[in-house]
Amino acid sequence: MTQTGKVSQQAAWKQGCIGLLGCMSVLGLMGCDERQPVSSESSAETVQTETETETSSDKTPERAESSTPVQLPEAVDIWQSPEQVVLGEVPLHLGSELWLNSMPVIGDDGANPARKLFASIRLLAADHQPLPKGIEITQVLIEQGDEQWLVQQHLEIRKDGNKSLEVALRGGPEWQPSSTVNVAVTVLFQGQEHTVIQKQVVIAQVF
C-alpha cells in the first residue's frame, strides 16, 4: 500500500470516530430531554391541597347558631290592666253602676219594650282630688263571660266640675239582674293611652 493510501484510510477512520462521538452526544442530550413532564393539573391539585390544609389548620371553628325559637310577645290582655292609674300625679279609679230598666212601659206599637241595660261609668280621683286637665275618654268595654259591650263612638260624657268624668250608656245587652260584669275604660292623657278596670260590678234592676 502506498503512503497516499495510508493517509486516506487514517483520515476516513478519524472522520468515522468523530461522527460516532457526535451521534452519541446527540443521543445523550435526547435522553436527558425525554424526562416525563409534570402535569399542570397535578401541580395545581398539590398546591390547592396544601393551601386547604393550611387554611383548615388556621381556621377557628365558628359557633353554631342557636336553634331556639324566638318567643313572640303575647297579645295584650286588657283585663290585666290596673284598677288604679296615676295621671298627672293623681290616682284615678272607676266607679260604675249598671241596671236593667224593668218598668212596665208600653211602647208606641202597644208591645212591652225589651229590657235594656243602662250604665253610668265614672272616672274618679282618689281622696276627692281634682281631676287633671286634658283627660279624654276614648273607649268603654263591658264584658260578661264571652259577651262584650264595646262603645267607642258618640260617647255621652258628662263632667261634674273637676271631680269626675261620667260616661252614660244605654241600650246594652239584656244580661240578667244580679249578675256581674267587668268594666274597662281607656283614656288619652298627654298623648298616651291608659286603661283602668273595675271587676265584679253587679247589675241592678229598676222597676
C-alpha atoms as a PDB file:
ATOM      1  CA  MET A   1       0.000   0.000   0.000  1.00  0.00           C
ATOM      2  CA  THR A   2       1.349   3.364  -0.869  1.00  0.00           C
ATOM      3  CA  GLN A   3       1.848   6.237   1.562  1.00  0.00           C
ATOM      4  CA  THR A   4      -1.025   8.104  -0.010  1.00  0.00           C
ATOM      5  CA  GLY A   5      -3.446   5.200   0.611  1.00  0.00           C
ATOM      6  CA  LYS A   6      -2.484   5.021   4.285  1.00  0.00           C
ATOM      7  CA  VAL A   7      -3.147   8.676   4.752  1.00  0.00           C
ATOM      8  CA  SER A   8      -6.592   8.341   3.174  1.00  0.00           C
ATOM      9  CA  GLN A   9      -7.513   5.418   5.421  1.00  0.00           C
ATOM     10  CA  GLN A  10      -6.420   7.287   8.555  1.00  0.00           C
ATOM     11  CA  ALA A  11      -8.444  10.317   7.563  1.00  0.00           C
ATOM     12  CA  ALA A  12     -11.535   8.211   6.924  1.00  0.00           C
ATOM     13  CA  TRP A  13     -11.125   6.477  10.309  1.00  0.00           C
ATOM     14  CA  LYS A  14     -10.886   9.801  12.122  1.00  0.00           C
ATOM     15  CA  GLN A  15     -13.977  11.099  10.418  1.00  0.00           C
ATOM     16  CA  GLY A  16     -15.862   7.932  11.375  1.00  0.00           C
ATOM     17  CA  CYS A  17     -14.860   8.336  15.021  1.00  0.00           C
ATOM     18  CA  ILE A  18     -15.882  11.964  15.060  1.00  0.00           C
ATOM     19  CA  GLY A  19     -19.253  11.055  13.541  1.00  0.00           C
ATOM     20  CA  LEU A  20     -19.776   8.310  16.108  1.00  0.00           C
ATOM     21  CA  LEU A  21     -18.962  10.636  19.001  1.00  0.00           C
ATOM     22  CA  GLY A  22     -21.381  13.203  17.581  1.00  0.00           C
ATOM     23  CA  CYS A  23     -24.190  10.678  17.431  1.00  0.00           C
ATOM     24  CA  MET A  24     -23.523   9.590  20.988  1.00  0.00           C
ATOM     25  CA  SER A  25     -23.645  13.184  22.170  1.00  0.00           C
ATOM     26  CA  VAL A  26     -26.894  13.787  20.389  1.00  0.00           C
ATOM     27  CA  LEU A  27     -28.402  10.623  21.837  1.00  0.00           C
ATOM     28  CA  GLY A  28     -27.284  11.635  25.318  1.00  0.00           C
ATOM     29  CA  LEU A  29     -28.930  15.006  25.032  1.00  0.00           C
ATOM     30  CA  MET A  30     -32.114  13.423  23.775  1.00  0.00           C
ATOM     31  CA  GLY A  31     -32.105  11.040  26.711  1.00  0.00           C
ATOM     32  CA  CYS A  32     -31.927  13.955  29.115  1.00  0.00           C
ATOM     33  CA  ASP A  33     -34.778  15.736  27.394  1.00  0.00           C
ATOM     34  CA  GLU A  34     -37.044  12.673  27.404  1.00  0.00           C
ATOM     35  CA  ARG A  35     -37.906  13.053  31.114  1.00  0.00           C
ATOM     36  CA  GLN A  36     -41.685  12.879  31.745  1.00  0.00           C
ATOM     37  CA  PRO A  37     -43.192  16.402  32.032  1.00  0.00           C
ATOM     38  CA  VAL A  38     -45.005  17.255  35.283  1.00  0.00           C
ATOM     39  CA  SER A  39     -48.755  17.624  34.742  1.00  0.00           C
ATOM     40  CA  SER A  40     -50.046  21.161  35.349  1.00  0.00           C
ATOM     41  CA  GLU A  41     -53.267  19.741  36.786  1.00  0.00           C
ATOM     42  CA  SER A  42     -51.311  17.609  39.262  1.00  0.00           C
ATOM     43  CA  SER A  43     -49.320  20.650  40.349  1.00  0.00           C
ATOM     44  CA  ALA A  44     -52.477  22.692  40.773  1.00  0.00           C
ATOM     45  CA  GLU A  45     -54.067  19.946  42.850  1.00  0.00           C
ATOM     46  CA  THR A  46     -50.988  19.708  45.050  1.00  0.00           C
ATOM     47  CA  VAL A  47     -50.906  23.459  45.650  1.00  0.00           C
ATOM     48  CA  GLN A  48     -54.640  23.546  46.329  1.00  0.00           C
ATOM     49  CA  THR A  49     -54.391  20.657  48.806  1.00  0.00           C
ATOM     50  CA  GLU A  50     -51.558  22.363  50.651  1.00  0.00           C
ATOM     51  CA  THR A  51     -53.500  25.635  50.736  1.00  0.00           C
ATOM     52  CA  GLU A  52     -56.622  23.930  52.069  1.00  0.00           C
ATOM     53  CA  THR A  53     -54.559  22.169  54.729  1.00  0.00           C
ATOM     54  CA  GLU A  54     -53.039  25.447  55.882  1.00  0.00           C
ATOM     55  CA  THR A  55     -56.415  27.195  55.825  1.00  0.00           C
ATOM     56  CA  SER A  56     -58.176  24.443  57.752  1.00  0.00           C
ATOM     57  CA  SER A  57     -55.431  24.347  60.361  1.00  0.00           C
ATOM     58  CA  ASP A  58     -55.598  28.110  60.866  1.00  0.00           C
ATOM     59  CA  LYS A  59     -59.424  28.374  60.778  1.00  0.00           C
ATOM     60  CA  THR A  60     -61.149  28.878  64.108  1.00  0.00           C
ATOM     61  CA  PRO A  61     -64.362  26.830  64.325  1.00  0.00           C
ATOM     62  CA  GLU A  62     -67.400  29.090  64.153  1.00  0.00           C
ATOM     63  CA  ARG A  63     -70.028  28.918  66.879  1.00  0.00           C
ATOM     64  CA  ALA A  64     -73.218  27.259  65.691  1.00  0.00           C
ATOM     65  CA  GLU A  65     -76.246  29.489  65.522  1.00  0.00           C
ATOM     66  CA  SER A  66     -78.834  28.975  68.207  1.00  0.00           C
ATOM     67  CA  SER A  67     -81.857  26.989  67.079  1.00  0.00           C
ATOM     68  CA  THR A  68     -84.001  28.142  69.988  1.00  0.00           C
ATOM     69  CA  PRO A  69     -87.216  29.727  68.638  1.00  0.00           C
ATOM     70  CA  VAL A  70     -87.813  33.370  69.431  1.00  0.00           C
ATOM     71  CA  GLN A  71     -90.584  33.908  71.949  1.00  0.00           C
ATOM     72  CA  LEU A  72     -93.067  36.330  70.437  1.00  0.00           C
ATOM     73  CA  PRO A  73     -94.901  38.703  72.739  1.00  0.00           C
ATOM     74  CA  GLU A  74     -98.402  37.613  73.619  1.00  0.00           C
ATOM     75  CA  ALA A  75    -101.437  39.695  72.787  1.00  0.00           C
ATOM     76  CA  VAL A  76    -102.189  42.299  75.413  1.00  0.00           C
ATOM     77  CA  ASP A  77    -104.999  41.243  77.769  1.00  0.00           C
ATOM     78  CA  ILE A  78    -106.972  44.339  78.674  1.00  0.00           C
ATOM     79  CA  TRP A  79    -108.149  42.665  81.879  1.00  0.00           C
ATOM     80  CA  GLN A  80    -104.582  42.611  83.148  1.00  0.00           C
ATOM     81  CA  SER A  81    -104.726  46.401  83.356  1.00  0.00           C
ATOM     82  CA  PRO A  82    -104.651  48.008  86.822  1.00  0.00           C
ATOM     83  CA  GLU A  83    -107.686  49.067  88.836  1.00  0.00           C
ATOM     84  CA  GLN A  84    -105.977  52.392  89.506  1.00  0.00           C
ATOM     85  CA  VAL A  85    -103.859  54.613  87.270  1.00  0.00           C
ATOM     86  CA  VAL A  86    -101.877  57.723  88.127  1.00  0.00           C
ATOM     87  CA  LEU A  87    -102.284  60.647  85.742  1.00  0.00           C
ATOM     88  CA  GLY A  88    -100.627  63.959  86.494  1.00  0.00           C
ATOM     89  CA  GLU A  89     -99.662  62.615  89.948  1.00  0.00           C
ATOM     90  CA  VAL A  90    -103.345  61.983  90.751  1.00  0.00           C
ATOM     91  CA  PRO A  91    -104.544  58.377  91.347  1.00  0.00           C
ATOM     92  CA  LEU A  92    -107.715  57.584  89.396  1.00  0.00           C
ATOM     93  CA  HIS A  93    -110.196  54.703  89.632  1.00  0.00           C
ATOM     94  CA  LEU A  94    -113.627  53.733  88.301  1.00  0.00           C
ATOM     95  CA  GLY A  95    -116.991  53.965  89.973  1.00  0.00           C
ATOM     96  CA  SER A  96    -119.510  52.045  87.826  1.00  0.00           C
ATOM     97  CA  GLU A  97    -123.232  51.412  88.107  1.00  0.00           C
ATOM     98  CA  LEU A  98    -125.277  49.185  85.789  1.00  0.00           C
ATOM     99  CA  TRP A  99    -129.002  48.455  85.884  1.00  0.00           C
ATOM    100  CA  LEU A 100    -131.814  46.926  83.867  1.00  0.00           C
ATOM    101  CA  ASN A 101    -134.933  49.012  83.381  1.00  0.00           C
ATOM    102  CA  SER A 102    -137.771  46.581  84.112  1.00  0.00           C
ATOM    103  CA  MET A 103    -140.561  49.135  84.417  1.00  0.00           C
ATOM    104  CA  PRO A 104    -143.753  48.040  82.517  1.00  0.00           C
ATOM    105  CA  VAL A 105    -143.683  50.715  79.862  1.00  0.00           C
ATOM    106  CA  ILE A 106    -145.857  50.268  76.796  1.00  0.00           C
ATOM    107  CA  GLY A 107    -144.261  51.158  73.515  1.00  0.00           C
ATOM    108  CA  ASP A 108    -145.812  53.009  70.621  1.00  0.00           C
ATOM    109  CA  ASP A 109    -146.694  49.722  68.945  1.00  0.00           C
ATOM    110  CA  GLY A 110    -148.589  48.534  72.030  1.00  0.00           C
ATOM    111  CA  ALA A 111    -145.997  45.925  72.953  1.00  0.00           C
ATOM    112  CA  ASN A 112    -143.820  45.837  76.033  1.00  0.00           C
ATOM    113  CA  PRO A 113    -140.346  47.110  75.121  1.00  0.00           C
ATOM    114  CA  ALA A 114    -137.413  44.816  75.796  1.00  0.00           C
ATOM    115  CA  ARG A 115    -135.476  45.398  78.958  1.00  0.00           C
ATOM    116  CA  LYS A 116    -132.307  47.263  78.146  1.00  0.00           C
ATOM    117  CA  LEU A 117    -129.102  47.684  80.089  1.00  0.00           C
ATOM    118  CA  PHE A 118    -128.049  51.133  81.259  1.00  0.00           C
ATOM    119  CA  ALA A 119    -124.661  52.102  82.647  1.00  0.00           C
ATOM    120  CA  SER A 120    -123.053  55.030  84.411  1.00  0.00           C
ATOM    121  CA  ILE A 121    -119.243  54.754  84.273  1.00  0.00           C
ATOM    122  CA  ARG A 122    -117.411  57.408  86.274  1.00  0.00           C
ATOM    123  CA  LEU A 123    -113.714  58.220  86.414  1.00  0.00           C
ATOM    124  CA  LEU A 124    -112.901  59.414  89.937  1.00  0.00           C
ATOM    125  CA  ALA A 125    -109.834  60.834  91.654  1.00  0.00           C
ATOM    126  CA  ALA A 126    -108.662  59.424  94.970  1.00  0.00           C
ATOM    127  CA  ASP A 127    -109.312  61.431  98.136  1.00  0.00           C
ATOM    128  CA  HIS A 128    -111.637  63.796  96.251  1.00  0.00           C
ATOM    129  CA  GLN A 129    -108.729  65.445  94.462  1.00  0.00           C
ATOM    130  CA  PRO A 130    -109.477  67.418  91.299  1.00  0.00           C
ATOM    131  CA  LEU A 131    -109.027  65.548  88.038  1.00  0.00           C
ATOM    132  CA  PRO A 132    -106.040  66.515  85.899  1.00  0.00           C
ATOM    133  CA  LYS A 133    -106.944  68.626  82.904  1.00  0.00           C
ATOM    134  CA  GLY A 134    -106.818  67.156  79.418  1.00  0.00           C
ATOM    135  CA  ILE A 135    -108.218  63.663  80.087  1.00  0.00           C
ATOM    136  CA  GLU A 136    -110.183  62.215  77.161  1.00  0.00           C
ATOM    137  CA  ILE A 137    -112.221  59.003  77.453  1.00  0.00           C
ATOM    138  CA  THR A 138    -111.911  57.095  74.167  1.00  0.00           C
ATOM    139  CA  GLN A 139    -113.421  53.671  74.870  1.00  0.00           C
ATOM    140  CA  VAL A 140    -115.640  51.764  77.301  1.00  0.00           C
ATOM    141  CA  LEU A 141    -115.706  47.966  77.333  1.00  0.00           C
ATOM    142  CA  ILE A 142    -118.122  45.937  79.474  1.00  0.00           C
ATOM    143  CA  GLU A 143    -117.773  42.164  79.485  1.00  0.00           C
ATOM    144  CA  GLN A 144    -119.762  39.258  80.856  1.00  0.00           C
ATOM    145  CA  GLY A 145    -118.458  35.804  80.014  1.00  0.00           C
ATOM    146  CA  ASP A 146    -117.997  35.553  76.252  1.00  0.00           C
ATOM    147  CA  GLU A 147    -120.197  38.590  75.526  1.00  0.00           C
ATOM    148  CA  GLN A 148    -118.938  42.149  75.265  1.00  0.00           C
ATOM    149  CA  TRP A 149    -120.495  45.574  75.083  1.00  0.00           C
ATOM    150  CA  LEU A 150    -117.996  47.881  73.397  1.00  0.00           C
ATOM    151  CA  VAL A 151    -118.608  51.595  72.855  1.00  0.00           C
ATOM    152  CA  GLN A 152    -116.021  53.723  71.044  1.00  0.00           C
ATOM    153  CA  GLN A 153    -118.032  56.359  69.207  1.00  0.00           C
ATOM    154  CA  HIS A 154    -120.555  59.004  70.185  1.00  0.00           C
ATOM    155  CA  LEU A 155    -119.714  58.669  73.872  1.00  0.00           C
ATOM    156  CA  GLU A 156    -122.030  60.723  76.040  1.00  0.00           C
ATOM    157  CA  ILE A 157    -119.613  62.251  78.550  1.00  0.00           C
ATOM    158  CA  ARG A 158    -120.692  64.362  81.472  1.00  0.00           C
ATOM    159  CA  LYS A 159    -118.342  66.403  83.594  1.00  0.00           C
ATOM    160  CA  ASP A 160    -119.030  67.096  87.254  1.00  0.00           C
ATOM    161  CA  GLY A 161    -116.844  70.145  87.721  1.00  0.00           C
ATOM    162  CA  ASN A 162    -113.322  68.913  88.274  1.00  0.00           C
ATOM    163  CA  LYS A 163    -114.410  65.974  90.438  1.00  0.00           C
ATOM    164  CA  SER A 164    -115.269  63.287  87.888  1.00  0.00           C
ATOM    165  CA  LEU A 165    -115.926  62.340  84.289  1.00  0.00           C
ATOM    166  CA  GLU A 166    -119.008  60.208  83.596  1.00  0.00           C
ATOM    167  CA  VAL A 167    -119.916  58.165  80.526  1.00  0.00           C
ATOM    168  CA  ALA A 168    -123.644  57.434  80.186  1.00  0.00           C
ATOM    169  CA  LEU A 169    -124.546  54.302  78.203  1.00  0.00           C
ATOM    170  CA  ARG A 170    -127.919  52.865  77.269  1.00  0.00           C
ATOM    171  CA  GLY A 171    -129.339  50.077  75.116  1.00  0.00           C
ATOM    172  CA  GLY A 172    -126.916  47.396  76.249  1.00  0.00           C
ATOM    173  CA  PRO A 173    -127.353  43.612  76.254  1.00  0.00           C
ATOM    174  CA  GLU A 174    -130.138  42.004  78.293  1.00  0.00           C
ATOM    175  CA  TRP A 175    -127.895  40.440  80.877  1.00  0.00           C
ATOM    176  CA  GLN A 176    -129.562  39.018  83.930  1.00  0.00           C
ATOM    177  CA  PRO A 177    -130.023  41.205  87.018  1.00  0.00           C
ATOM    178  CA  SER A 178    -127.756  40.389  89.971  1.00  0.00           C
ATOM    179  CA  SER A 179    -125.131  39.014  87.565  1.00  0.00           C
ATOM    180  CA  THR A 180    -121.690  40.637  87.434  1.00  0.00           C
ATOM    181  CA  VAL A 181    -119.646  42.295  84.720  1.00  0.00           C
ATOM    182  CA  ASN A 182    -116.138  43.674  84.271  1.00  0.00           C
ATOM    183  CA  VAL A 183    -115.604  47.252  83.085  1.00  0.00           C
ATOM    184  CA  ALA A 184    -112.565  48.696  81.269  1.00  0.00           C
ATOM    185  CA  VAL A 185    -112.149  52.365  80.358  1.00  0.00           C
ATOM    186  CA  THR A 186    -109.422  53.645  78.051  1.00  0.00           C
ATOM    187  CA  VAL A 187    -108.365  57.283  78.354  1.00  0.00           C
ATOM    188  CA  LEU A 188    -105.972  59.507  76.450  1.00  0.00           C
ATOM    189  CA  PHE A 189    -103.752  61.789  78.519  1.00  0.00           C
ATOM    190  CA  GLN A 190    -100.807  63.827  77.230  1.00  0.00           C
ATOM    191  CA  GLY A 191    -100.582  61.729  74.071  1.00  0.00           C
ATOM    192  CA  GLN A 192    -100.570  58.351  75.823  1.00  0.00           C
ATOM    193  CA  GLU A 193    -103.326  55.787  76.296  1.00  0.00           C
ATOM    194  CA  HIS A 194    -104.097  54.344  79.721  1.00  0.00           C
ATOM    195  CA  THR A 195    -106.621  51.682  80.707  1.00  0.00           C
ATOM    196  CA  VAL A 196    -108.227  51.281  84.117  1.00  0.00           C
ATOM    197  CA  ILE A 197    -110.591  48.444  85.025  1.00  0.00           C
ATOM    198  CA  GLN A 198    -113.219  47.565  87.612  1.00  0.00           C
ATOM    199  CA  LYS A 199    -114.236  43.943  88.162  1.00  0.00           C
ATOM    200  CA  GLN A 200    -117.303  42.189  89.525  1.00  0.00           C
ATOM    201  CA  VAL A 201    -119.755  45.064  89.154  1.00  0.00           C
ATOM    202  CA  VAL A 202    -123.283  43.838  89.995  1.00  0.00           C
ATOM    203  CA  ILE A 203    -126.149  44.604  87.599  1.00  0.00           C
ATOM    204  CA  ALA A 204    -129.093  46.105  89.458  1.00  0.00           C
ATOM    205  CA  GLN A 205    -132.752  46.049  88.414  1.00  0.00           C
ATOM    206  CA  VAL A 206    -135.127  49.008  88.369  1.00  0.00           C
ATOM    207  CA  PHE A 207    -138.948  48.580  88.420  1.00  0.00           C
END
